[in-house]
PDB file of N, CA and C in Angstrom:
ATOM      1  N   MET A   1     -12.861 -28.211  24.239  1.00  0.00           N
ATOM      2  CA  MET A   1     -11.609 -27.518  24.118  1.00  0.00           C
ATOM      3  C   MET A   1     -11.830 -26.063  24.524  1.00  0.00           C
ATOM      4  N   THR A   2     -10.960 -25.555  25.336  1.00  0.00           N
ATOM      5  CA  THR A   2     -11.069 -24.168  25.765  1.00  0.00           C
ATOM      6  C   THR A   2      -9.909 -23.369  25.194  1.00  0.00           C
ATOM      7  N   ALA A   3     -10.207 -22.146  24.888  1.00  0.00           N
ATOM      8  CA  ALA A   3      -9.171 -21.251  24.364  1.00  0.00           C
ATOM      9  C   ALA A   3      -8.507 -20.535  25.524  1.00  0.00           C
ATOM     10  N   VAL A   4      -7.229 -20.365  25.416  1.00  0.00           N
ATOM     11  CA  VAL A   4      -6.471 -19.648  26.438  1.00  0.00           C
ATOM     12  C   VAL A   4      -6.246 -18.233  25.935  1.00  0.00           C
ATOM     13  N   ASP A   5      -6.641 -17.277  26.752  1.00  0.00           N
ATOM     14  CA  ASP A   5      -6.432 -15.887  26.371  1.00  0.00           C
ATOM     15  C   ASP A   5      -4.949 -15.558  26.423  1.00  0.00           C
ATOM     16  N   PRO A   6      -4.469 -14.793  25.439  1.00  0.00           N
ATOM     17  CA  PRO A   6      -3.062 -14.389  25.490  1.00  0.00           C
ATOM     18  C   PRO A   6      -2.837 -13.448  26.667  1.00  0.00           C
ATOM     19  N   PRO A   7      -1.605 -13.370  27.146  1.00  0.00           N
ATOM     20  CA  PRO A   7      -1.346 -12.471  28.267  1.00  0.00           C
ATOM     21  C   PRO A   7      -1.660 -11.029  27.877  1.00  0.00           C
ATOM     22  N   GLU A   8      -2.080 -10.271  28.878  1.00  0.00           N
ATOM     23  CA  GLU A   8      -2.430  -8.880  28.632  1.00  0.00           C
ATOM     24  C   GLU A   8      -1.180  -8.106  28.218  1.00  0.00           C
ATOM     25  N   LEU A   9      -1.321  -7.287  27.207  1.00  0.00           N
ATOM     26  CA  LEU A   9      -0.208  -6.498  26.696  1.00  0.00           C
ATOM     27  C   LEU A   9      -0.173  -5.172  27.442  1.00  0.00           C
ATOM     28  N   THR A  10       0.862  -4.969  28.215  1.00  0.00           N
ATOM     29  CA  THR A  10       0.997  -3.731  28.976  1.00  0.00           C
ATOM     30  C   THR A  10       1.606  -2.653  28.092  1.00  0.00           C
ATOM     31  N   ALA A  11       1.481  -1.417  28.540  1.00  0.00           N
ATOM     32  CA  ALA A  11       2.068  -0.300  27.801  1.00  0.00           C
ATOM     33  C   ALA A  11       3.582  -0.449  27.719  1.00  0.00           C
ATOM     34  N   GLU A  12       4.176  -0.903  28.804  1.00  0.00           N
ATOM     35  CA  GLU A  12       5.635  -1.088  28.818  1.00  0.00           C
ATOM     36  C   GLU A  12       6.056  -2.150  27.800  1.00  0.00           C
ATOM     37  N   ARG A  13       5.335  -3.266  27.773  1.00  0.00           N
ATOM     38  CA  ARG A  13       5.671  -4.339  26.827  1.00  0.00           C
ATOM     39  C   ARG A  13       5.439  -3.877  25.387  1.00  0.00           C
ATOM     40  N   SER A  14       4.393  -3.106  25.190  1.00  0.00           N
ATOM     41  CA  SER A  14       4.114  -2.576  23.858  1.00  0.00           C
ATOM     42  C   SER A  14       5.260  -1.688  23.367  1.00  0.00           C
ATOM     43  N   LEU A  15       5.781  -0.853  24.248  1.00  0.00           N
ATOM     44  CA  LEU A  15       6.915   0.002  23.884  1.00  0.00           C
ATOM     45  C   LEU A  15       8.167  -0.825  23.612  1.00  0.00           C
ATOM     46  N   GLN A  16       8.358  -1.906  24.361  1.00  0.00           N
ATOM     47  CA  GLN A  16       9.501  -2.791  24.113  1.00  0.00           C
ATOM     48  C   GLN A  16       9.398  -3.434  22.727  1.00  0.00           C
ATOM     49  N   ILE A  17       8.206  -3.856  22.385  1.00  0.00           N
ATOM     50  CA  ILE A  17       7.997  -4.469  21.069  1.00  0.00           C
ATOM     51  C   ILE A  17       8.278  -3.450  19.971  1.00  0.00           C
ATOM     52  N   GLN A  18       7.767  -2.233  20.144  1.00  0.00           N
ATOM     53  CA  GLN A  18       7.983  -1.187  19.145  1.00  0.00           C
ATOM     54  C   GLN A  18       9.458  -0.851  18.979  1.00  0.00           C
ATOM     55  N   ALA A  19      10.233  -0.969  20.033  1.00  0.00           N
ATOM     56  CA  ALA A  19      11.661  -0.651  19.981  1.00  0.00           C
ATOM     57  C   ALA A  19      12.510  -1.816  19.473  1.00  0.00           C
ATOM     58  N   SER A  20      11.921  -2.981  19.327  1.00  0.00           N
ATOM     59  CA  SER A  20      12.692  -4.162  18.917  1.00  0.00           C
ATOM     60  C   SER A  20      13.151  -4.032  17.465  1.00  0.00           C
ATOM     61  N   PRO A  21      14.297  -4.619  17.140  1.00  0.00           N
ATOM     62  CA  PRO A  21      14.784  -4.580  15.754  1.00  0.00           C
ATOM     63  C   PRO A  21      13.811  -5.241  14.771  1.00  0.00           C
ATOM     64  N   GLU A  22      13.123  -6.285  15.203  1.00  0.00           N
ATOM     65  CA  GLU A  22      12.171  -6.972  14.323  1.00  0.00           C
ATOM     66  C   GLU A  22      11.007  -6.058  13.942  1.00  0.00           C
ATOM     67  N   PHE A  23      10.495  -5.320  14.932  1.00  0.00           N
ATOM     68  CA  PHE A  23       9.386  -4.409  14.663  1.00  0.00           C
ATOM     69  C   PHE A  23       9.848  -3.253  13.785  1.00  0.00           C
ATOM     70  N   GLN A  24      11.029  -2.736  14.056  1.00  0.00           N
ATOM     71  CA  GLN A  24      11.565  -1.635  13.249  1.00  0.00           C
ATOM     72  C   GLN A  24      11.753  -2.074  11.796  1.00  0.00           C
ATOM     73  N   GLU A  25      12.237  -3.294  11.599  1.00  0.00           N
ATOM     74  CA  GLU A  25      12.407  -3.803  10.236  1.00  0.00           C
ATOM     75  C   GLU A  25      11.052  -3.988   9.554  1.00  0.00           C
ATOM     76  N   LEU A  26      10.051  -4.409  10.307  1.00  0.00           N
ATOM     77  CA  LEU A  26       8.698  -4.530   9.759  1.00  0.00           C
ATOM     78  C   LEU A  26       8.191  -3.168   9.290  1.00  0.00           C
ATOM     79  N   ARG A  27       8.345  -2.161  10.132  1.00  0.00           N
ATOM     80  CA  ARG A  27       7.923  -0.799   9.756  1.00  0.00           C
ATOM     81  C   ARG A  27       8.695  -0.290   8.548  1.00  0.00           C
ATOM     82  N   ASN A  28      10.001  -0.545   8.535  1.00  0.00           N
ATOM     83  CA  ASN A  28      10.816  -0.097   7.405  1.00  0.00           C
ATOM     84  C   ASN A  28      10.406  -0.787   6.110  1.00  0.00           C
ATOM     85  N   ALA A  29      10.105  -2.076   6.194  1.00  0.00           N
ATOM     86  CA  ALA A  29       9.658  -2.808   5.003  1.00  0.00           C
ATOM     87  C   ALA A  29       8.352  -2.219   4.478  1.00  0.00           C
ATOM     88  N   LEU A  30       7.431  -1.916   5.378  1.00  0.00           N
ATOM     89  CA  LEU A  30       6.166  -1.300   4.974  1.00  0.00           C
ATOM     90  C   LEU A  30       6.420   0.042   4.304  1.00  0.00           C
ATOM     91  N   ARG A  31       7.247   0.854   4.915  1.00  0.00           N
ATOM     92  CA  ARG A  31       7.532   2.183   4.360  1.00  0.00           C
ATOM     93  C   ARG A  31       8.243   2.108   3.013  1.00  0.00           C
ATOM     94  N   ARG A  32       9.143   1.136   2.857  1.00  0.00           N
ATOM     95  CA  ARG A  32       9.846   0.991   1.577  1.00  0.00           C
ATOM     96  C   ARG A  32       8.881   0.654   0.442  1.00  0.00           C
ATOM     97  N   PHE A  33       7.767   0.048   0.759  1.00  0.00           N
ATOM     98  CA  PHE A  33       6.767  -0.235  -0.270  1.00  0.00           C
ATOM     99  C   PHE A  33       5.786   0.927  -0.425  1.00  0.00           C
ATOM    100  N   VAL A  34       5.245   1.395   0.684  1.00  0.00           N
ATOM    101  CA  VAL A  34       4.138   2.347   0.640  1.00  0.00           C
ATOM    102  C   VAL A  34       4.561   3.719   0.111  1.00  0.00           C
ATOM    103  N   PHE A  35       5.655   4.260   0.596  1.00  0.00           N
ATOM    104  CA  PHE A  35       6.023   5.619   0.193  1.00  0.00           C
ATOM    105  C   PHE A  35       6.332   5.738  -1.298  1.00  0.00           C
ATOM    106  N   PRO A  36       7.165   4.874  -1.880  1.00  0.00           N
ATOM    107  CA  PRO A  36       7.386   4.992  -3.325  1.00  0.00           C
ATOM    108  C   PRO A  36       6.113   4.740  -4.144  1.00  0.00           C
ATOM    109  N   MET A  37       5.303   3.786  -3.710  1.00  0.00           N
ATOM    110  CA  MET A  37       4.078   3.492  -4.445  1.00  0.00           C
ATOM    111  C   MET A  37       3.106   4.670  -4.360  1.00  0.00           C
ATOM    112  N   ALA A  38       2.999   5.284  -3.197  1.00  0.00           N
ATOM    113  CA  ALA A  38       2.130   6.453  -3.046  1.00  0.00           C
ATOM    114  C   ALA A  38       2.652   7.615  -3.884  1.00  0.00           C
ATOM    115  N   ALA A  39       3.962   7.823  -3.890  1.00  0.00           N
ATOM    116  CA  ALA A  39       4.547   8.900  -4.698  1.00  0.00           C
ATOM    117  C   ALA A  39       4.279   8.655  -6.180  1.00  0.00           C
ATOM    118  N   PHE A  40       4.449   7.410  -6.619  1.00  0.00           N
ATOM    119  CA  PHE A  40       4.166   7.072  -8.020  1.00  0.00           C
ATOM    120  C   PHE A  40       2.712   7.368  -8.364  1.00  0.00           C
ATOM    121  N   PHE A  41       1.785   6.885  -7.530  1.00  0.00           N
ATOM    122  CA  PHE A  41       0.376   7.053  -7.864  1.00  0.00           C
ATOM    123  C   PHE A  41      -0.048   8.515  -7.810  1.00  0.00           C
ATOM    124  N   LEU A  42       0.416   9.251  -6.810  1.00  0.00           N
ATOM    125  CA  LEU A  42       0.036  10.662  -6.721  1.00  0.00           C
ATOM    126  C   LEU A  42       0.605  11.464  -7.885  1.00  0.00           C
ATOM    127  N   THR A  43       1.805  11.123  -8.328  1.00  0.00           N
ATOM    128  CA  THR A  43       2.379  11.788  -9.501  1.00  0.00           C
ATOM    129  C   THR A  43       1.567  11.466 -10.748  1.00  0.00           C
ATOM    130  N   TRP A  44       1.225  10.209 -10.912  1.00  0.00           N
ATOM    131  CA  TRP A  44       0.420   9.756 -12.052  1.00  0.00           C
ATOM    132  C   TRP A  44      -0.951  10.432 -12.034  1.00  0.00           C
ATOM    133  N   TYR A  45      -1.579  10.502 -10.861  1.00  0.00           N
ATOM    134  CA  TYR A  45      -2.881  11.154 -10.747  1.00  0.00           C
ATOM    135  C   TYR A  45      -2.755  12.653 -11.007  1.00  0.00           C
ATOM    136  N   GLY A  46      -1.714  13.277 -10.437  1.00  0.00           N
ATOM    137  CA  GLY A  46      -1.498  14.709 -10.657  1.00  0.00           C
ATOM    138  C   GLY A  46      -1.292  15.029 -12.125  1.00  0.00           C
ATOM    139  N   LEU A  47      -0.543  14.192 -12.824  1.00  0.00           N
ATOM    140  CA  LEU A  47      -0.337  14.381 -14.260  1.00  0.00           C
ATOM    141  C   LEU A  47      -1.666  14.300 -15.000  1.00  0.00           C
ATOM    142  N   TYR A  48      -2.495  13.352 -14.629  1.00  0.00           N
ATOM    143  CA  TYR A  48      -3.812  13.205 -15.252  1.00  0.00           C
ATOM    144  C   TYR A  48      -4.664  14.459 -15.033  1.00  0.00           C
ATOM    145  N   VAL A  49      -4.656  14.976 -13.826  1.00  0.00           N
ATOM    146  CA  VAL A  49      -5.439  16.177 -13.514  1.00  0.00           C
ATOM    147  C   VAL A  49      -4.910  17.380 -14.290  1.00  0.00           C
ATOM    148  N   VAL A  50      -3.594  17.555 -14.308  1.00  0.00           N
ATOM    149  CA  VAL A  50      -2.995  18.693 -15.022  1.00  0.00           C
ATOM    150  C   VAL A  50      -3.285  18.598 -16.519  1.00  0.00           C
ATOM    151  N   LEU A  51      -3.137  17.411 -17.079  1.00  0.00           N
ATOM    152  CA  LEU A  51      -3.461  17.246 -18.498  1.00  0.00           C
ATOM    153  C   LEU A  51      -4.934  17.551 -18.761  1.00  0.00           C
ATOM    154  N   GLY A  52      -5.804  17.098 -17.877  1.00  0.00           N
ATOM    155  CA  GLY A  52      -7.226  17.373 -18.034  1.00  0.00           C
ATOM    156  C   GLY A  52      -7.552  18.852 -17.945  1.00  0.00           C
ATOM    157  N   ALA A  53      -6.801  19.575 -17.125  1.00  0.00           N
ATOM    158  CA  ALA A  53      -7.068  21.000 -16.933  1.00  0.00           C
ATOM    159  C   ALA A  53      -6.441  21.868 -18.019  1.00  0.00           C
ATOM    160  N   PHE A  54      -5.263  21.490 -18.505  1.00  0.00           N
ATOM    161  CA  PHE A  54      -4.519  22.397 -19.375  1.00  0.00           C
ATOM    162  C   PHE A  54      -4.201  21.851 -20.764  1.00  0.00           C
ATOM    163  N   ALA A  55      -4.402  20.591 -21.006  1.00  0.00           N
ATOM    164  CA  ALA A  55      -4.068  20.014 -22.313  1.00  0.00           C
ATOM    165  C   ALA A  55      -5.318  19.433 -22.968  1.00  0.00           C
ATOM    166  N   HIS A  56      -6.307  20.291 -23.150  1.00  0.00           N
ATOM    167  CA  HIS A  56      -7.591  19.847 -23.694  1.00  0.00           C
ATOM    168  C   HIS A  56      -7.433  19.193 -25.065  1.00  0.00           C
ATOM    169  N   ASP A  57      -6.613  19.800 -25.921  1.00  0.00           N
ATOM    170  CA  ASP A  57      -6.438  19.240 -27.266  1.00  0.00           C
ATOM    171  C   ASP A  57      -5.812  17.847 -27.214  1.00  0.00           C
ATOM    172  N   PHE A  58      -4.833  17.669 -26.348  1.00  0.00           N
ATOM    173  CA  PHE A  58      -4.196  16.357 -26.213  1.00  0.00           C
ATOM    174  C   PHE A  58      -5.184  15.327 -25.680  1.00  0.00           C
ATOM    175  N   MET A  59      -5.922  15.701 -24.646  1.00  0.00           N
ATOM    176  CA  MET A  59      -6.862  14.756 -24.034  1.00  0.00           C
ATOM    177  C   MET A  59      -8.013  14.409 -24.983  1.00  0.00           C
ATOM    178  N   ALA A  60      -8.283  15.274 -25.971  1.00  0.00           N
ATOM    179  CA  ALA A  60      -9.387  15.047 -26.902  1.00  0.00           C
ATOM    180  C   ALA A  60      -8.991  14.204 -28.108  1.00  0.00           C
ATOM    181  N   ILE A  61      -7.720  13.860 -28.229  1.00  0.00           N
ATOM    182  CA  ILE A  61      -7.287  13.043 -29.369  1.00  0.00           C
ATOM    183  C   ILE A  61      -8.013  11.701 -29.333  1.00  0.00           C
ATOM    184  N   LYS A  62      -8.650  11.372 -30.453  1.00  0.00           N
ATOM    185  CA  LYS A  62      -9.396  10.112 -30.526  1.00  0.00           C
ATOM    186  C   LYS A  62      -8.432   8.960 -30.781  1.00  0.00           C
ATOM    187  N   LEU A  63      -8.625   7.894 -30.021  1.00  0.00           N
ATOM    188  CA  LEU A  63      -7.789   6.706 -30.179  1.00  0.00           C
ATOM    189  C   LEU A  63      -8.494   5.650 -31.017  1.00  0.00           C
ATOM    190  N   ILE A  64      -9.666   5.230 -30.546  1.00  0.00           N
ATOM    191  CA  ILE A  64     -10.469   4.222 -31.246  1.00  0.00           C
ATOM    192  C   ILE A  64     -11.928   4.644 -31.128  1.00  0.00           C
ATOM    193  N   GLY A  65     -12.580   4.895 -32.239  1.00  0.00           N
ATOM    194  CA  GLY A  65     -13.975   5.312 -32.197  1.00  0.00           C
ATOM    195  C   GLY A  65     -14.133   6.582 -31.380  1.00  0.00           C
ATOM    196  N   ASN A  66     -14.994   6.539 -30.370  1.00  0.00           N
ATOM    197  CA  ASN A  66     -15.212   7.699 -29.505  1.00  0.00           C
ATOM    198  C   ASN A  66     -14.340   7.686 -28.258  1.00  0.00           C
ATOM    199  N   ILE A  67     -13.412   6.784 -28.176  1.00  0.00           N
ATOM    200  CA  ILE A  67     -12.514   6.714 -27.015  1.00  0.00           C
ATOM    201  C   ILE A  67     -11.336   7.639 -27.265  1.00  0.00           C
ATOM    202  N   ASN A  68     -11.187   8.630 -26.387  1.00  0.00           N
ATOM    203  CA  ASN A  68     -10.089   9.583 -26.544  1.00  0.00           C
ATOM    204  C   ASN A  68      -9.026   9.347 -25.472  1.00  0.00           C
ATOM    205  N   VAL A  69      -7.949  10.118 -25.551  1.00  0.00           N
ATOM    206  CA  VAL A  69      -6.839   9.969 -24.611  1.00  0.00           C
ATOM    207  C   VAL A  69      -7.314  10.189 -23.178  1.00  0.00           C
ATOM    208  N   GLY A  70      -8.163  11.190 -22.954  1.00  0.00           N
ATOM    209  CA  GLY A  70      -8.653  11.480 -21.605  1.00  0.00           C
ATOM    210  C   GLY A  70      -9.388  10.299 -20.995  1.00  0.00           C
ATOM    211  N   LEU A  71     -10.248   9.678 -21.774  1.00  0.00           N
ATOM    212  CA  LEU A  71     -10.984   8.511 -21.277  1.00  0.00           C
ATOM    213  C   LEU A  71     -10.032   7.347 -21.014  1.00  0.00           C
ATOM    214  N   ALA A  72      -9.096   7.127 -21.922  1.00  0.00           N
ATOM    215  CA  ALA A  72      -8.137   6.033 -21.741  1.00  0.00           C
ATOM    216  C   ALA A  72      -7.299   6.250 -20.485  1.00  0.00           C
ATOM    217  N   LEU A  73      -6.834   7.479 -20.269  1.00  0.00           N
ATOM    218  CA  LEU A  73      -6.050   7.759 -19.062  1.00  0.00           C
ATOM    219  C   LEU A  73      -6.914   7.640 -17.804  1.00  0.00           C
ATOM    220  N   GLY A  74      -8.177   8.053 -17.885  1.00  0.00           N
ATOM    221  CA  GLY A  74      -9.087   7.907 -16.745  1.00  0.00           C
ATOM    222  C   GLY A  74      -9.297   6.447 -16.384  1.00  0.00           C
ATOM    223  N   LEU A  75      -9.497   5.603 -17.390  1.00  0.00           N
ATOM    224  CA  LEU A  75      -9.623   4.167 -17.130  1.00  0.00           C
ATOM    225  C   LEU A  75      -8.307   3.603 -16.607  1.00  0.00           C
ATOM    226  N   GLY A  76      -7.203   4.180 -17.067  1.00  0.00           N
ATOM    227  CA  GLY A  76      -5.893   3.776 -16.562  1.00  0.00           C
ATOM    228  C   GLY A  76      -5.745   4.045 -15.075  1.00  0.00           C
ATOM    229  N   GLN A  77      -6.420   5.081 -14.584  1.00  0.00           N
ATOM    230  CA  GLN A  77      -6.393   5.366 -13.147  1.00  0.00           C
ATOM    231  C   GLN A  77      -7.012   4.205 -12.367  1.00  0.00           C
ATOM    232  N   PHE A  78      -8.142   3.710 -12.854  1.00  0.00           N
ATOM    233  CA  PHE A  78      -8.775   2.567 -12.187  1.00  0.00           C
ATOM    234  C   PHE A  78      -7.887   1.334 -12.266  1.00  0.00           C
ATOM    235  N   LEU A  79      -7.353   1.076 -13.441  1.00  0.00           N
ATOM    236  CA  LEU A  79      -6.480  -0.079 -13.619  1.00  0.00           C
ATOM    237  C   LEU A  79      -5.272   0.005 -12.692  1.00  0.00           C
ATOM    238  N   THR A  80      -4.670   1.178 -12.617  1.00  0.00           N
ATOM    239  CA  THR A  80      -3.513   1.372 -11.744  1.00  0.00           C
ATOM    240  C   THR A  80      -3.877   1.098 -10.285  1.00  0.00           C
ATOM    241  N   THR A  81      -5.042   1.548  -9.866  1.00  0.00           N
ATOM    242  CA  THR A  81      -5.488   1.314  -8.492  1.00  0.00           C
ATOM    243  C   THR A  81      -5.588  -0.184  -8.200  1.00  0.00           C
ATOM    244  N   PHE A  82      -6.173  -0.927  -9.122  1.00  0.00           N
ATOM    245  CA  PHE A  82      -6.297  -2.376  -8.924  1.00  0.00           C
ATOM    246  C   PHE A  82      -4.933  -3.058  -8.915  1.00  0.00           C
ATOM    247  N   VAL A  83      -4.042  -2.637  -9.796  1.00  0.00           N
ATOM    248  CA  VAL A  83      -2.702  -3.240  -9.849  1.00  0.00           C
ATOM    249  C   VAL A  83      -1.941  -2.958  -8.557  1.00  0.00           C
ATOM    250  N   ILE A  84      -1.995  -1.713  -8.091  1.00  0.00           N
ATOM    251  CA  ILE A  84      -1.295  -1.359  -6.848  1.00  0.00           C
ATOM    252  C   ILE A  84      -1.868  -2.152  -5.676  1.00  0.00           C
ATOM    253  N   THR A  85      -3.183  -2.296  -5.638  1.00  0.00           N
ATOM    254  CA  THR A  85      -3.808  -3.080  -4.569  1.00  0.00           C
ATOM    255  C   THR A  85      -3.323  -4.526  -4.607  1.00  0.00           C
ATOM    256  N   GLY A  86      -3.288  -5.110  -5.787  1.00  0.00           N
ATOM    257  CA  GLY A  86      -2.798  -6.481  -5.922  1.00  0.00           C
ATOM    258  C   GLY A  86      -1.343  -6.619  -5.502  1.00  0.00           C
ATOM    259  N   LEU A  87      -0.517  -5.653  -5.893  1.00  0.00           N
ATOM    260  CA  LEU A  87       0.894  -5.680  -5.501  1.00  0.00           C
ATOM    261  C   LEU A  87       1.045  -5.581  -3.988  1.00  0.00           C
ATOM    262  N   TYR A  88       0.219  -4.714  -3.373  1.00  0.00           N
ATOM    263  CA  TYR A  88       0.307  -4.573  -1.917  1.00  0.00           C
ATOM    264  C   TYR A  88      -0.128  -5.858  -1.209  1.00  0.00           C
ATOM    265  N   VAL A  89      -1.196  -6.460  -1.667  1.00  0.00           N
ATOM    266  CA  VAL A  89      -1.671  -7.702  -1.039  1.00  0.00           C
ATOM    267  C   VAL A  89      -0.599  -8.781  -1.140  1.00  0.00           C
ATOM    268  N   ARG A  90       0.007  -8.911  -2.318  1.00  0.00           N
ATOM    269  CA  ARG A  90       1.074  -9.904  -2.484  1.00  0.00           C
ATOM    270  C   ARG A  90       2.259  -9.587  -1.575  1.00  0.00           C
ATOM    271  N   PHE A  91       2.646  -8.312  -1.515  1.00  0.00           N
ATOM    272  CA  PHE A  91       3.756  -7.889  -0.660  1.00  0.00           C
ATOM    273  C   PHE A  91       3.443  -8.161   0.807  1.00  0.00           C
ATOM    274  N   ALA A  92       2.237  -7.813   1.234  1.00  0.00           N
ATOM    275  CA  ALA A  92       1.852  -8.021   2.634  1.00  0.00           C
ATOM    276  C   ALA A  92       1.844  -9.506   2.977  1.00  0.00           C
ATOM    277  N   ASN A  93       1.300 -10.323   2.093  1.00  0.00           N
ATOM    278  CA  ASN A  93       1.257 -11.768   2.354  1.00  0.00           C
ATOM    279  C   ASN A  93       2.648 -12.384   2.432  1.00  0.00           C
ATOM    280  N   ARG A  94       3.551 -11.912   1.588  1.00  0.00           N
ATOM    281  CA  ARG A  94       4.897 -12.503   1.541  1.00  0.00           C
ATOM    282  C   ARG A  94       5.850 -11.919   2.576  1.00  0.00           C
ATOM    283  N   GLU A  95       5.753 -10.618   2.810  1.00  0.00           N
ATOM    284  CA  GLU A  95       6.758  -9.931   3.625  1.00  0.00           C
ATOM    285  C   GLU A  95       6.250  -9.500   5.002  1.00  0.00           C
ATOM    286  N   LEU A  96       5.108  -8.836   5.028  1.00  0.00           N
ATOM    287  CA  LEU A  96       4.652  -8.214   6.272  1.00  0.00           C
ATOM    288  C   LEU A  96       3.982  -9.199   7.221  1.00  0.00           C
ATOM    289  N   ASP A  97       3.052  -9.982   6.710  1.00  0.00           N
ATOM    290  CA  ASP A  97       2.284 -10.870   7.581  1.00  0.00           C
ATOM    291  C   ASP A  97       3.145 -11.889   8.324  1.00  0.00           C
ATOM    292  N   PRO A  98       4.108 -12.545   7.660  1.00  0.00           N
ATOM    293  CA  PRO A  98       4.951 -13.484   8.419  1.00  0.00           C
ATOM    294  C   PRO A  98       5.761 -12.792   9.518  1.00  0.00           C
ATOM    295  N   ARG A  99       6.268 -11.616   9.232  1.00  0.00           N
ATOM    296  CA  ARG A  99       7.034 -10.878  10.248  1.00  0.00           C
ATOM    297  C   ARG A  99       6.143 -10.451  11.404  1.00  0.00           C
ATOM    298  N   ALA A 100       4.951  -9.952  11.071  1.00  0.00           N
ATOM    299  CA  ALA A 100       4.021  -9.530  12.121  1.00  0.00           C
ATOM    300  C   ALA A 100       3.589 -10.722  12.972  1.00  0.00           C
ATOM    301  N   ALA A 101       3.366 -11.862  12.342  1.00  0.00           N
ATOM    302  CA  ALA A 101       2.975 -13.061  13.094  1.00  0.00           C
ATOM    303  C   ALA A 101       4.090 -13.500  14.038  1.00  0.00           C
ATOM    304  N   ALA A 102       5.332 -13.408  13.587  1.00  0.00           N
ATOM    305  CA  ALA A 102       6.461 -13.783  14.449  1.00  0.00           C
ATOM    306  C   ALA A 102       6.572 -12.831  15.634  1.00  0.00           C
ATOM    307  N   ILE A 103       6.369 -11.551  15.392  1.00  0.00           N
ATOM    308  CA  ILE A 103       6.415 -10.566  16.483  1.00  0.00           C
ATOM    309  C   ILE A 103       5.283 -10.832  17.469  1.00  0.00           C
ATOM    310  N   ARG A 104       4.088 -11.103  16.955  1.00  0.00           N
ATOM    311  CA  ARG A 104       2.931 -11.388  17.814  1.00  0.00           C
ATOM    312  C   ARG A 104       3.163 -12.654  18.635  1.00  0.00           C
ATOM    313  N   LYS A 105       3.690 -13.693  17.990  1.00  0.00           N
ATOM    314  CA  LYS A 105       3.959 -14.951  18.693  1.00  0.00           C
ATOM    315  C   LYS A 105       4.963 -14.733  19.816  1.00  0.00           C
ATOM    316  N   ASP A 106       6.005 -13.968  19.543  1.00  0.00           N
ATOM    317  CA  ASP A 106       7.009 -13.662  20.561  1.00  0.00           C
ATOM    318  C   ASP A 106       6.394 -12.856  21.705  1.00  0.00           C
ATOM    319  N   ALA A 107       5.544 -11.900  21.365  1.00  0.00           N
ATOM    320  CA  ALA A 107       4.915 -11.068  22.401  1.00  0.00           C
ATOM    321  C   ALA A 107       3.983 -11.896  23.278  1.00  0.00           C
ATOM    322  N   GLU A 108       3.248 -12.814  22.675  1.00  0.00           N
ATOM    323  CA  GLU A 108       2.315 -13.642  23.442  1.00  0.00           C
ATOM    324  C   GLU A 108       3.042 -14.683  24.285  1.00  0.00           C
ATOM    325  N   ALA A 109       4.247 -15.058  23.872  1.00  0.00           N
ATOM    326  CA  ALA A 109       5.008 -16.064  24.619  1.00  0.00           C
ATOM    327  C   ALA A 109       5.606 -15.489  25.896  1.00  0.00           C
ATOM    328  N   GLN A 110       5.779 -14.205  25.930  1.00  0.00           N
ATOM    329  CA  GLN A 110       6.436 -13.596  27.100  1.00  0.00           C
ATOM    330  C   GLN A 110       5.443 -13.082  28.103  1.00  0.00           C
TER     331      GLN A 110
END
């Protein structure tokens, strides 16, 4: 069995694909997820940094044993990163990848 190479993608065809409504909707879908999620995480991280810099007494409050608010919020940063990554992977698998595959299939067919 031999593989057939897809047709070469010219600059003109690439620009046509980028201008297509399907590609624009793909970009918009990505932006609708990424920008709010990035704003949320940067705000959450900024709050953590500001609290660490200026709210020493608050961050030093002990929660359980030697675990204080600062440590709990720091671990929350890691947890948030993993949750956001999982949400993005699920979003990409459900929304972005099928659209991108359809655009690629259409581009290779022409």
